[in-house]
Amino acid sequence: MSDTVLLCYCTCPDVASAQKLAEALVGERLAACVNRIPAIASTYRWQDKVVTDHEELLLIKTTVAQFAALKERLLSLHPYELPELIAVPVTEGHGPYLDWVRNPG
């Protein structure tokens, strides 16, 4: 369903890029809300090396209907060569909040 709420995860290399993405996505009405979680440590394999970096995690609330446009915009702004963008459908939650995500006004 196009009105299904999604919780999207995206990591950013620093505060500035995370803030830029959050403001663009909310400002352009592609997301109802973006939470920034600072100072996470991510360990991953990249170019055949194990790397640990400090990043910011974005928790992006949107809908299936908005996801394609959100993805396009996020990928155009993100500084990483291969940005993380994972969308998980929200199957339960506080009804009035989920309604607000669908129509933040």
PDB file of N, CA and C in Angstrom:
ATOM      1  N   MET A   1       0.833  -1.188   0.000  1.00  0.00           N
ATOM      2  CA  MET A   1       0.000   0.000   0.000  1.00  0.00           C
ATOM      3  C   MET A   1       0.871   1.242   0.000  1.00  0.00           C
ATOM      4  N   SER A   2       0.450   2.239  -0.759  1.00  0.00           N
ATOM      5  CA  SER A   2       1.256   3.447  -0.868  1.00  0.00           C
ATOM      6  C   SER A   2       1.265   4.275   0.409  1.00  0.00           C
ATOM      7  N   ASP A   3       0.281   4.070   1.307  1.00  0.00           N
ATOM      8  CA  ASP A   3       0.277   4.840   2.556  1.00  0.00           C
ATOM      9  C   ASP A   3       0.956   4.102   3.707  1.00  0.00           C
ATOM     10  N   THR A   4       1.597   2.961   3.408  1.00  0.00           N
ATOM     11  CA  THR A   4       2.358   2.249   4.429  1.00  0.00           C
ATOM     12  C   THR A   4       3.515   3.122   4.897  1.00  0.00           C
ATOM     13  N   VAL A   5       3.679   3.234   6.198  1.00  0.00           N
ATOM     14  CA  VAL A   5       4.773   4.013   6.764  1.00  0.00           C
ATOM     15  C   VAL A   5       6.049   3.189   6.702  1.00  0.00           C
ATOM     16  N   LEU A   6       7.153   3.850   6.353  1.00  0.00           N
ATOM     17  CA  LEU A   6       8.471   3.220   6.313  1.00  0.00           C
ATOM     18  C   LEU A   6       9.389   3.909   7.310  1.00  0.00           C
ATOM     19  N   LEU A   7      10.246   3.121   7.931  1.00  0.00           N
ATOM     20  CA  LEU A   7      11.346   3.639   8.729  1.00  0.00           C
ATOM     21  C   LEU A   7      12.611   3.328   7.937  1.00  0.00           C
ATOM     22  N   CYS A   8      13.301   4.373   7.521  1.00  0.00           N
ATOM     23  CA  CYS A   8      14.490   4.219   6.684  1.00  0.00           C
ATOM     24  C   CYS A   8      15.738   4.540   7.499  1.00  0.00           C
ATOM     25  N   TYR A   9      16.769   3.752   7.271  1.00  0.00           N
ATOM     26  CA  TYR A   9      18.055   3.930   7.934  1.00  0.00           C
ATOM     27  C   TYR A   9      19.072   4.422   6.915  1.00  0.00           C
ATOM     28  N   CYS A  10      19.858   5.413   7.318  1.00  0.00           N
ATOM     29  CA  CYS A  10      20.914   5.930   6.451  1.00  0.00           C
ATOM     30  C   CYS A  10      22.044   6.451   7.332  1.00  0.00           C
ATOM     31  N   THR A  11      23.265   6.024   7.052  1.00  0.00           N
ATOM     32  CA  THR A  11      24.418   6.542   7.788  1.00  0.00           C
ATOM     33  C   THR A  11      25.087   7.652   6.988  1.00  0.00           C
ATOM     34  N   CYS A  12      25.668   8.602   7.718  1.00  0.00           N
ATOM     35  CA  CYS A  12      26.365   9.746   7.121  1.00  0.00           C
ATOM     36  C   CYS A  12      27.733   9.885   7.786  1.00  0.00           C
ATOM     37  N   PRO A  13      28.701  10.433   7.062  1.00  0.00           N
ATOM     38  CA  PRO A  13      30.054  10.502   7.606  1.00  0.00           C
ATOM     39  C   PRO A  13      30.266  11.571   8.669  1.00  0.00           C
ATOM     40  N   ASP A  14      29.369  12.567   8.735  1.00  0.00           N
ATOM     41  CA  ASP A  14      29.593  13.671   9.664  1.00  0.00           C
ATOM     42  C   ASP A  14      28.297  14.424   9.933  1.00  0.00           C
ATOM     43  N   VAL A  15      28.373  15.334  10.900  1.00  0.00           N
ATOM     44  CA  VAL A  15      27.212  16.119  11.312  1.00  0.00           C
ATOM     45  C   VAL A  15      26.686  16.967  10.159  1.00  0.00           C
ATOM     46  N   ALA A  16      27.566  17.597   9.421  1.00  0.00           N
ATOM     47  CA  ALA A  16      27.138  18.520   8.362  1.00  0.00           C
ATOM     48  C   ALA A  16      26.345  17.804   7.274  1.00  0.00           C
ATOM     49  N   SER A  17      26.823  16.663   6.814  1.00  0.00           N
ATOM     50  CA  SER A  17      26.098  15.956   5.756  1.00  0.00           C
ATOM     51  C   SER A  17      24.790  15.379   6.286  1.00  0.00           C
ATOM     52  N   ALA A  18      24.776  14.924   7.532  1.00  0.00           N
ATOM     53  CA  ALA A  18      23.548  14.400   8.125  1.00  0.00           C
ATOM     54  C   ALA A  18      22.500  15.505   8.257  1.00  0.00           C
ATOM     55  N   GLN A  19      22.907  16.673   8.709  1.00  0.00           N
ATOM     56  CA  GLN A  19      21.979  17.797   8.858  1.00  0.00           C
ATOM     57  C   GLN A  19      21.463  18.251   7.500  1.00  0.00           C
ATOM     58  N   LYS A  20      22.350  18.309   6.513  1.00  0.00           N
ATOM     59  CA  LYS A  20      21.945  18.716   5.158  1.00  0.00           C
ATOM     60  C   LYS A  20      20.885  17.766   4.605  1.00  0.00           C
ATOM     61  N   LEU A  21      21.111  16.478   4.759  1.00  0.00           N
ATOM     62  CA  LEU A  21      20.152  15.486   4.279  1.00  0.00           C
ATOM     63  C   LEU A  21      18.823  15.598   5.031  1.00  0.00           C
ATOM     64  N   ALA A  22      18.889  15.688   6.349  1.00  0.00           N
ATOM     65  CA  ALA A  22      17.676  15.773   7.157  1.00  0.00           C
ATOM     66  C   ALA A  22      16.841  16.987   6.755  1.00  0.00           C
ATOM     67  N   GLU A  23      17.470  18.133   6.638  1.00  0.00           N
ATOM     68  CA  GLU A  23      16.748  19.357   6.292  1.00  0.00           C
ATOM     69  C   GLU A  23      16.155  19.282   4.891  1.00  0.00           C
ATOM     70  N   ALA A  24      16.899  18.711   3.947  1.00  0.00           N
ATOM     71  CA  ALA A  24      16.383  18.595   2.575  1.00  0.00           C
ATOM     72  C   ALA A  24      15.183  17.659   2.518  1.00  0.00           C
ATOM     73  N   LEU A  25      15.286  16.497   3.147  1.00  0.00           N
ATOM     74  CA  LEU A  25      14.205  15.518   3.065  1.00  0.00           C
ATOM     75  C   LEU A  25      12.924  16.015   3.733  1.00  0.00           C
ATOM     76  N   VAL A  26      13.066  16.648   4.892  1.00  0.00           N
ATOM     77  CA  VAL A  26      11.885  17.187   5.573  1.00  0.00           C
ATOM     78  C   VAL A  26      11.400  18.448   4.857  1.00  0.00           C
ATOM     79  N   GLY A  27      12.319  19.316   4.494  1.00  0.00           N
ATOM     80  CA  GLY A  27      11.952  20.567   3.822  1.00  0.00           C
ATOM     81  C   GLY A  27      11.245  20.352   2.499  1.00  0.00           C
ATOM     82  N   GLU A  28      11.619  19.305   1.784  1.00  0.00           N
ATOM     83  CA  GLU A  28      11.005  19.001   0.488  1.00  0.00           C
ATOM     84  C   GLU A  28       9.811  18.046   0.624  1.00  0.00           C
ATOM     85  N   ARG A  29       9.387  17.795   1.866  1.00  0.00           N
ATOM     86  CA  ARG A  29       8.221  16.951   2.174  1.00  0.00           C
ATOM     87  C   ARG A  29       8.366  15.511   1.687  1.00  0.00           C
ATOM     88  N   LEU A  30       9.605  15.033   1.643  1.00  0.00           N
ATOM     89  CA  LEU A  30       9.856  13.639   1.292  1.00  0.00           C
ATOM     90  C   LEU A  30       9.855  12.759   2.529  1.00  0.00           C
ATOM     91  N   ALA A  31      10.003  13.383   3.688  1.00  0.00           N
ATOM     92  CA  ALA A  31       9.963  12.699   4.982  1.00  0.00           C
ATOM     93  C   ALA A  31       9.208  13.581   5.961  1.00  0.00           C
ATOM     94  N   ALA A  32       8.487  12.935   6.868  1.00  0.00           N
ATOM     95  CA  ALA A  32       7.785  13.692   7.909  1.00  0.00           C
ATOM     96  C   ALA A  32       8.748  14.111   9.011  1.00  0.00           C
ATOM     97  N   CYS A  33       9.739  13.258   9.271  1.00  0.00           N
ATOM     98  CA  CYS A  33      10.661  13.483  10.384  1.00  0.00           C
ATOM     99  C   CYS A  33      11.951  12.724  10.117  1.00  0.00           C
ATOM    100  N   VAL A  34      13.062  13.304  10.531  1.00  0.00           N
ATOM    101  CA  VAL A  34      14.351  12.620  10.487  1.00  0.00           C
ATOM    102  C   VAL A  34      15.022  12.803  11.839  1.00  0.00           C
ATOM    103  N   ASN A  35      15.319  11.699  12.511  1.00  0.00           N
ATOM    104  CA  ASN A  35      16.092  11.749  13.752  1.00  0.00           C
ATOM    105  C   ASN A  35      17.549  11.512  13.409  1.00  0.00           C
ATOM    106  N   ARG A  36      18.437  12.278  14.046  1.00  0.00           N
ATOM    107  CA  ARG A  36      19.879  12.102  13.873  1.00  0.00           C
ATOM    108  C   ARG A  36      20.444  11.531  15.156  1.00  0.00           C
ATOM    109  N   ILE A  37      21.100  10.395  15.027  1.00  0.00           N
ATOM    110  CA  ILE A  37      21.758   9.773  16.177  1.00  0.00           C
ATOM    111  C   ILE A  37      23.262   9.944  15.965  1.00  0.00           C
ATOM    112  N   PRO A  38      23.895  10.763  16.803  1.00  0.00           N
ATOM    113  CA  PRO A  38      25.321  11.062  16.600  1.00  0.00           C
ATOM    114  C   PRO A  38      26.236   9.980  17.171  1.00  0.00           C
ATOM    115  N   ALA A  39      27.448  10.027  16.703  1.00  0.00           N
ATOM    116  CA  ALA A  39      28.566   9.281  17.299  1.00  0.00           C
ATOM    117  C   ALA A  39      28.351   7.776  17.364  1.00  0.00           C
ATOM    118  N   ILE A  40      27.868   7.194  16.282  1.00  0.00           N
ATOM    119  CA  ILE A  40      27.821   5.735  16.233  1.00  0.00           C
ATOM    120  C   ILE A  40      29.131   5.242  15.622  1.00  0.00           C
ATOM    121  N   ALA A  41      29.513   4.043  15.938  1.00  0.00           N
ATOM    122  CA  ALA A  41      30.696   3.423  15.337  1.00  0.00           C
ATOM    123  C   ALA A  41      30.212   2.317  14.409  1.00  0.00           C
ATOM    124  N   SER A  42      30.642   2.382  13.167  1.00  0.00           N
ATOM    125  CA  SER A  42      30.266   1.379  12.176  1.00  0.00           C
ATOM    126  C   SER A  42      31.499   0.607  11.742  1.00  0.00           C
ATOM    127  N   THR A  43      31.407  -0.707  11.776  1.00  0.00           N
ATOM    128  CA  THR A  43      32.480  -1.578  11.294  1.00  0.00           C
ATOM    129  C   THR A  43      31.936  -2.343  10.106  1.00  0.00           C
ATOM    130  N   TYR A  44      32.657  -2.296   9.002  1.00  0.00           N
ATOM    131  CA  TYR A  44      32.171  -2.889   7.761  1.00  0.00           C
ATOM    132  C   TYR A  44      33.348  -3.261   6.866  1.00  0.00           C
ATOM    133  N   ARG A  45      33.061  -4.065   5.855  1.00  0.00           N
ATOM    134  CA  ARG A  45      34.087  -4.421   4.877  1.00  0.00           C
ATOM    135  C   ARG A  45      33.902  -3.516   3.663  1.00  0.00           C
ATOM    136  N   TRP A  46      34.978  -2.845   3.272  1.00  0.00           N
ATOM    137  CA  TRP A  46      34.947  -1.963   2.107  1.00  0.00           C
ATOM    138  C   TRP A  46      36.248  -2.109   1.350  1.00  0.00           C
ATOM    139  N   GLN A  47      36.156  -2.405   0.070  1.00  0.00           N
ATOM    140  CA  GLN A  47      37.318  -2.589  -0.797  1.00  0.00           C
ATOM    141  C   GLN A  47      38.313  -3.570  -0.189  1.00  0.00           C
ATOM    142  N   ASP A  48      37.761  -4.690   0.265  1.00  0.00           N
ATOM    143  CA  ASP A  48      38.510  -5.823   0.803  1.00  0.00           C
ATOM    144  C   ASP A  48      39.284  -5.508   2.090  1.00  0.00           C
ATOM    145  N   LYS A  49      38.832  -4.490   2.829  1.00  0.00           N
ATOM    146  CA  LYS A  49      39.419  -4.164   4.130  1.00  0.00           C
ATOM    147  C   LYS A  49      38.303  -4.051   5.157  1.00  0.00           C
ATOM    148  N   VAL A  50      38.619  -4.384   6.397  1.00  0.00           N
ATOM    149  CA  VAL A  50      37.695  -4.137   7.494  1.00  0.00           C
ATOM    150  C   VAL A  50      37.981  -2.744   8.026  1.00  0.00           C
ATOM    151  N   VAL A  51      36.952  -1.922   8.056  1.00  0.00           N
ATOM    152  CA  VAL A  51      37.084  -0.507   8.406  1.00  0.00           C
ATOM    153  C   VAL A  51      36.119  -0.194   9.549  1.00  0.00           C
ATOM    154  N   THR A  52      36.549   0.667  10.461  1.00  0.00           N
ATOM    155  CA  THR A  52      35.656   1.201  11.485  1.00  0.00           C
ATOM    156  C   THR A  52      35.680   2.721  11.370  1.00  0.00           C
ATOM    157  N   ASP A  53      34.492   3.305  11.264  1.00  0.00           N
ATOM    158  CA  ASP A  53      34.349   4.758  11.145  1.00  0.00           C
ATOM    159  C   ASP A  53      33.305   5.252  12.131  1.00  0.00           C
ATOM    160  N   HIS A  54      33.421   6.524  12.478  1.00  0.00           N
ATOM    161  CA  HIS A  54      32.388   7.185  13.273  1.00  0.00           C
ATOM    162  C   HIS A  54      31.430   7.854  12.298  1.00  0.00           C
ATOM    163  N   GLU A  55      30.147   7.644  12.517  1.00  0.00           N
ATOM    164  CA  GLU A  55      29.130   8.165  11.620  1.00  0.00           C
ATOM    165  C   GLU A  55      27.962   8.711  12.417  1.00  0.00           C
ATOM    166  N   GLU A  56      27.021   9.325  11.702  1.00  0.00           N
ATOM    167  CA  GLU A  56      25.720   9.691  12.251  1.00  0.00           C
ATOM    168  C   GLU A  56      24.694   8.803  11.568  1.00  0.00           C
ATOM    169  N   LEU A  57      23.710   8.347  12.332  1.00  0.00           N
ATOM    170  CA  LEU A  57      22.645   7.525  11.788  1.00  0.00           C
ATOM    171  C   LEU A  57      21.385   8.364  11.655  1.00  0.00           C
ATOM    172  N   LEU A  58      20.789   8.332  10.476  1.00  0.00           N
ATOM    173  CA  LEU A  58      19.511   8.987  10.261  1.00  0.00           C
ATOM    174  C   LEU A  58      18.402   7.945  10.339  1.00  0.00           C
ATOM    175  N   LEU A  59      17.355   8.258  11.087  1.00  0.00           N
ATOM    176  CA  LEU A  59      16.130   7.469  11.114  1.00  0.00           C
ATOM    177  C   LEU A  59      15.075   8.327  10.425  1.00  0.00           C
ATOM    178  N   ILE A  60      14.675   7.907   9.243  1.00  0.00           N
ATOM    179  CA  ILE A  60      13.824   8.707   8.372  1.00  0.00           C
ATOM    180  C   ILE A  60      12.431   8.094   8.334  1.00  0.00           C
ATOM    181  N   LYS A  61      11.412   8.895   8.645  1.00  0.00           N
ATOM    182  CA  LYS A  61      10.028   8.424   8.599  1.00  0.00           C
ATOM    183  C   LYS A  61       9.355   8.964   7.352  1.00  0.00           C
ATOM    184  N   THR A  62       8.863   8.043   6.517  1.00  0.00           N
ATOM    185  CA  THR A  62       8.219   8.401   5.261  1.00  0.00           C
ATOM    186  C   THR A  62       7.171   7.357   4.921  1.00  0.00           C
ATOM    187  N   THR A  63       6.674   7.383   3.699  1.00  0.00           N
ATOM    188  CA  THR A  63       5.703   6.388   3.240  1.00  0.00           C
ATOM    189  C   THR A  63       6.202   5.728   1.963  1.00  0.00           C
ATOM    190  N   VAL A  64       5.595   4.614   1.631  1.00  0.00           N
ATOM    191  CA  VAL A  64       5.928   3.917   0.383  1.00  0.00           C
ATOM    192  C   VAL A  64       5.742   4.862  -0.806  1.00  0.00           C
ATOM    193  N   ALA A  65       4.689   5.666  -0.775  1.00  0.00           N
ATOM    194  CA  ALA A  65       4.414   6.595  -1.874  1.00  0.00           C
ATOM    195  C   ALA A  65       5.540   7.606  -2.079  1.00  0.00           C
ATOM    196  N   GLN A  66       6.222   7.986  -1.030  1.00  0.00           N
ATOM    197  CA  GLN A  66       7.293   8.981  -1.105  1.00  0.00           C
ATOM    198  C   GLN A  66       8.676   8.362  -1.300  1.00  0.00           C
ATOM    199  N   PHE A  67       8.796   7.060  -1.158  1.00  0.00           N
ATOM    200  CA  PHE A  67      10.118   6.446  -1.084  1.00  0.00           C
ATOM    201  C   PHE A  67      10.951   6.647  -2.340  1.00  0.00           C
ATOM    202  N   ALA A  68      10.405   6.481  -3.515  1.00  0.00           N
ATOM    203  CA  ALA A  68      11.205   6.608  -4.742  1.00  0.00           C
ATOM    204  C   ALA A  68      11.813   8.008  -4.858  1.00  0.00           C
ATOM    205  N   ALA A  69      11.012   9.030  -4.589  1.00  0.00           N
ATOM    206  CA  ALA A  69      11.518  10.405  -4.653  1.00  0.00           C
ATOM    207  C   ALA A  69      12.537  10.661  -3.553  1.00  0.00           C
ATOM    208  N   LEU A  70      12.280  10.139  -2.352  1.00  0.00           N
ATOM    209  CA  LEU A  70      13.225  10.277  -1.241  1.00  0.00           C
ATOM    210  C   LEU A  70      14.559   9.630  -1.602  1.00  0.00           C
ATOM    211  N   LYS A  71      14.497   8.426  -2.141  1.00  0.00           N
ATOM    212  CA  LYS A  71      15.721   7.706  -2.530  1.00  0.00           C
ATOM    213  C   LYS A  71      16.516   8.505  -3.563  1.00  0.00           C
ATOM    214  N   GLU A  72      15.847   9.008  -4.570  1.00  0.00           N
ATOM    215  CA  GLU A  72      16.530   9.774  -5.619  1.00  0.00           C
ATOM    216  C   GLU A  72      17.216  11.010  -5.024  1.00  0.00           C
ATOM    217  N   ARG A  73      16.510  11.711  -4.163  1.00  0.00           N
ATOM    218  CA  ARG A  73      17.071  12.933  -3.565  1.00  0.00           C
ATOM    219  C   ARG A  73      18.223  12.606  -2.624  1.00  0.00           C
ATOM    220  N   LEU A  74      18.047  11.593  -1.796  1.00  0.00           N
ATOM    221  CA  LEU A  74      19.100  11.199  -0.862  1.00  0.00           C
ATOM    222  C   LEU A  74      20.373  10.807  -1.619  1.00  0.00           C
ATOM    223  N   LEU A  75      20.217  10.008  -2.650  1.00  0.00           N
ATOM    224  CA  LEU A  75      21.391   9.577  -3.416  1.00  0.00           C
ATOM    225  C   LEU A  75      22.066  10.745  -4.119  1.00  0.00           C
ATOM    226  N   SER A  76      21.300  11.762  -4.508  1.00  0.00           N
ATOM    227  CA  SER A  76      21.902  12.923  -5.178  1.00  0.00           C
ATOM    228  C   SER A  76      22.691  13.812  -4.215  1.00  0.00           C
ATOM    229  N   LEU A  77      22.322  13.789  -2.926  1.00  0.00           N
ATOM    230  CA  LEU A  77      22.971  14.654  -1.931  1.00  0.00           C
ATOM    231  C   LEU A  77      24.049  13.952  -1.113  1.00  0.00           C
ATOM    232  N   HIS A  78      23.989  12.650  -1.031  1.00  0.00           N
ATOM    233  CA  HIS A  78      24.845  11.906  -0.102  1.00  0.00           C
ATOM    234  C   HIS A  78      26.298  11.899  -0.571  1.00  0.00           C
ATOM    235  N   PRO A  79      27.245  12.108   0.351  1.00  0.00           N
ATOM    236  CA  PRO A  79      28.652  12.147  -0.049  1.00  0.00           C
ATOM    237  C   PRO A  79      29.294  10.771  -0.285  1.00  0.00           C
ATOM    238  N   TYR A  80      28.680   9.698   0.196  1.00  0.00           N
ATOM    239  CA  TYR A  80      29.281   8.376   0.022  1.00  0.00           C
ATOM    240  C   TYR A  80      29.112   7.868  -1.408  1.00  0.00           C
ATOM    241  N   GLU A  81      30.078   7.091  -1.847  1.00  0.00           N
ATOM    242  CA  GLU A  81      30.000   6.413  -3.136  1.00  0.00           C
ATOM    243  C   GLU A  81      28.845   5.400  -3.140  1.00  0.00           C
ATOM    244  N   LEU A  82      28.647   4.737  -2.008  1.00  0.00           N
ATOM    245  CA  LEU A  82      27.606   3.724  -1.868  1.00  0.00           C
ATOM    246  C   LEU A  82      26.836   3.982  -0.568  1.00  0.00           C
ATOM    247  N   PRO A  83      25.882   4.911  -0.593  1.00  0.00           N
ATOM    248  CA  PRO A  83      25.144   5.235   0.632  1.00  0.00           C
ATOM    249  C   PRO A  83      24.272   4.079   1.102  1.00  0.00           C
ATOM    250  N   GLU A  84      24.184   3.953   2.423  1.00  0.00           N
ATOM    251  CA  GLU A  84      23.242   3.014   3.016  1.00  0.00           C
ATOM    252  C   GLU A  84      21.854   3.649   2.974  1.00  0.00           C
ATOM    253  N   LEU A  85      20.894   2.913   2.461  1.00  0.00           N
ATOM    254  CA  LEU A  85      19.491   3.305   2.550  1.00  0.00           C
ATOM    255  C   LEU A  85      18.688   2.020   2.637  1.00  0.00           C
ATOM    256  N   ILE A  86      18.139   1.776   3.814  1.00  0.00           N
ATOM    257  CA  ILE A  86      17.357   0.573   4.081  1.00  0.00           C
ATOM    258  C   ILE A  86      15.986   1.024   4.572  1.00  0.00           C
ATOM    259  N   ALA A  87      14.938   0.505   3.957  1.00  0.00           N
ATOM    260  CA  ALA A  87      13.573   0.866   4.348  1.00  0.00           C
ATOM    261  C   ALA A  87      12.862  -0.352   4.922  1.00  0.00           C
ATOM    262  N   VAL A  88      12.278  -0.159   6.096  1.00  0.00           N
ATOM    263  CA  VAL A  88      11.566  -1.225   6.789  1.00  0.00           C
ATOM    264  C   VAL A  88      10.114  -0.780   6.972  1.00  0.00           C
ATOM    265  N   PRO A  89       9.151  -1.603   6.546  1.00  0.00           N
ATOM    266  CA  PRO A  89       7.758  -1.218   6.747  1.00  0.00           C
ATOM    267  C   PRO A  89       7.375  -1.238   8.224  1.00  0.00           C
ATOM    268  N   VAL A  90       6.621  -0.254   8.634  1.00  0.00           N
ATOM    269  CA  VAL A  90       6.117  -0.175  10.003  1.00  0.00           C
ATOM    270  C   VAL A  90       4.752  -0.855  10.012  1.00  0.00           C
ATOM    271  N   THR A  91       4.658  -1.954  10.729  1.00  0.00           N
ATOM    272  CA  THR A  91       3.407  -2.713  10.741  1.00  0.00           C
ATOM    273  C   THR A  91       2.521  -2.369  11.930  1.00  0.00           C
ATOM    274  N   GLU A  92       3.095  -1.809  12.960  1.00  0.00           N
ATOM    275  CA  GLU A  92       2.335  -1.408  14.151  1.00  0.00           C
ATOM    276  C   GLU A  92       2.924  -0.112  14.691  1.00  0.00           C
ATOM    277  N   GLY A  93       2.112   0.626  15.420  1.00  0.00           N
ATOM    278  CA  GLY A  93       2.584   1.854  16.044  1.00  0.00           C
ATOM    279  C   GLY A  93       1.409   2.644  16.583  1.00  0.00           C
ATOM    280  N   HIS A  94       1.704   3.814  17.116  1.00  0.00           N
ATOM    281  CA  HIS A  94       0.676   4.711  17.644  1.00  0.00           C
ATOM    282  C   HIS A  94      -0.065   5.315  16.455  1.00  0.00           C
ATOM    283  N   GLY A  95      -1.335   4.978  16.311  1.00  0.00           N
ATOM    284  CA  GLY A  95      -2.128   5.375  15.155  1.00  0.00           C
ATOM    285  C   GLY A  95      -2.055   6.848  14.796  1.00  0.00           C
ATOM    286  N   PRO A  96      -2.266   7.763  15.752  1.00  0.00           N
ATOM    287  CA  PRO A  96      -2.197   9.181  15.419  1.00  0.00           C
ATOM    288  C   PRO A  96      -0.809   9.609  14.906  1.00  0.00           C
ATOM    289  N   TYR A  97       0.245   9.023  15.453  1.00  0.00           N
ATOM    290  CA  TYR A  97       1.584   9.358  14.954  1.00  0.00           C
ATOM    291  C   TYR A  97       1.758   8.862  13.526  1.00  0.00           C
ATOM    292  N   LEU A  98       1.353   7.621  13.260  1.00  0.00           N
ATOM    293  CA  LEU A  98       1.480   7.073  11.904  1.00  0.00           C
ATOM    294  C   LEU A  98       0.645   7.885  10.917  1.00  0.00           C
ATOM    295  N   ASP A  99      -0.521   8.355  11.346  1.00  0.00           N
ATOM    296  CA  ASP A  99      -1.334   9.229  10.495  1.00  0.00           C
ATOM    297  C   ASP A  99      -0.595  10.530  10.187  1.00  0.00           C
ATOM    298  N   TRP A 100       0.091  11.062  11.197  1.00  0.00           N
ATOM    299  CA  TRP A 100       0.864  12.293  10.990  1.00  0.00           C
ATOM    300  C   TRP A 100       2.000  12.062   9.995  1.00  0.00           C
ATOM    301  N   VAL A 101       2.680  10.907  10.083  1.00  0.00           N
ATOM    302  CA  VAL A 101       3.745  10.611   9.121  1.00  0.00           C
ATOM    303  C   VAL A 101       3.168  10.595   7.706  1.00  0.00           C
ATOM    304  N   ARG A 102       1.990  10.041   7.562  1.00  0.00           N
ATOM    305  CA  ARG A 102       1.340   9.972   6.242  1.00  0.00           C
ATOM    306  C   ARG A 102       0.942  11.350   5.724  1.00  0.00           C
ATOM    307  N   ASN A 103       0.632  12.263   6.639  1.00  0.00           N
ATOM    308  CA  ASN A 103       0.169  13.603   6.253  1.00  0.00           C
ATOM    309  C   ASN A 103       0.640  14.621   7.275  1.00  0.00           C
ATOM    310  N   PRO A 104       1.936  15.007   7.218  1.00  0.00           N
ATOM    311  CA  PRO A 104       2.481  15.893   8.247  1.00  0.00           C
ATOM    312  C   PRO A 104       1.992  17.343   8.172  1.00  0.00           C
ATOM    313  N   GLY A 105       1.310  17.685   7.092  1.00  0.00           N
ATOM    314  CA  GLY A 105       0.726  19.032   7.011  1.00  0.00           C
ATOM    315  C   GLY A 105       1.643  20.143   6.777  1.00  0.00           C
TER     316      GLY A 105
END
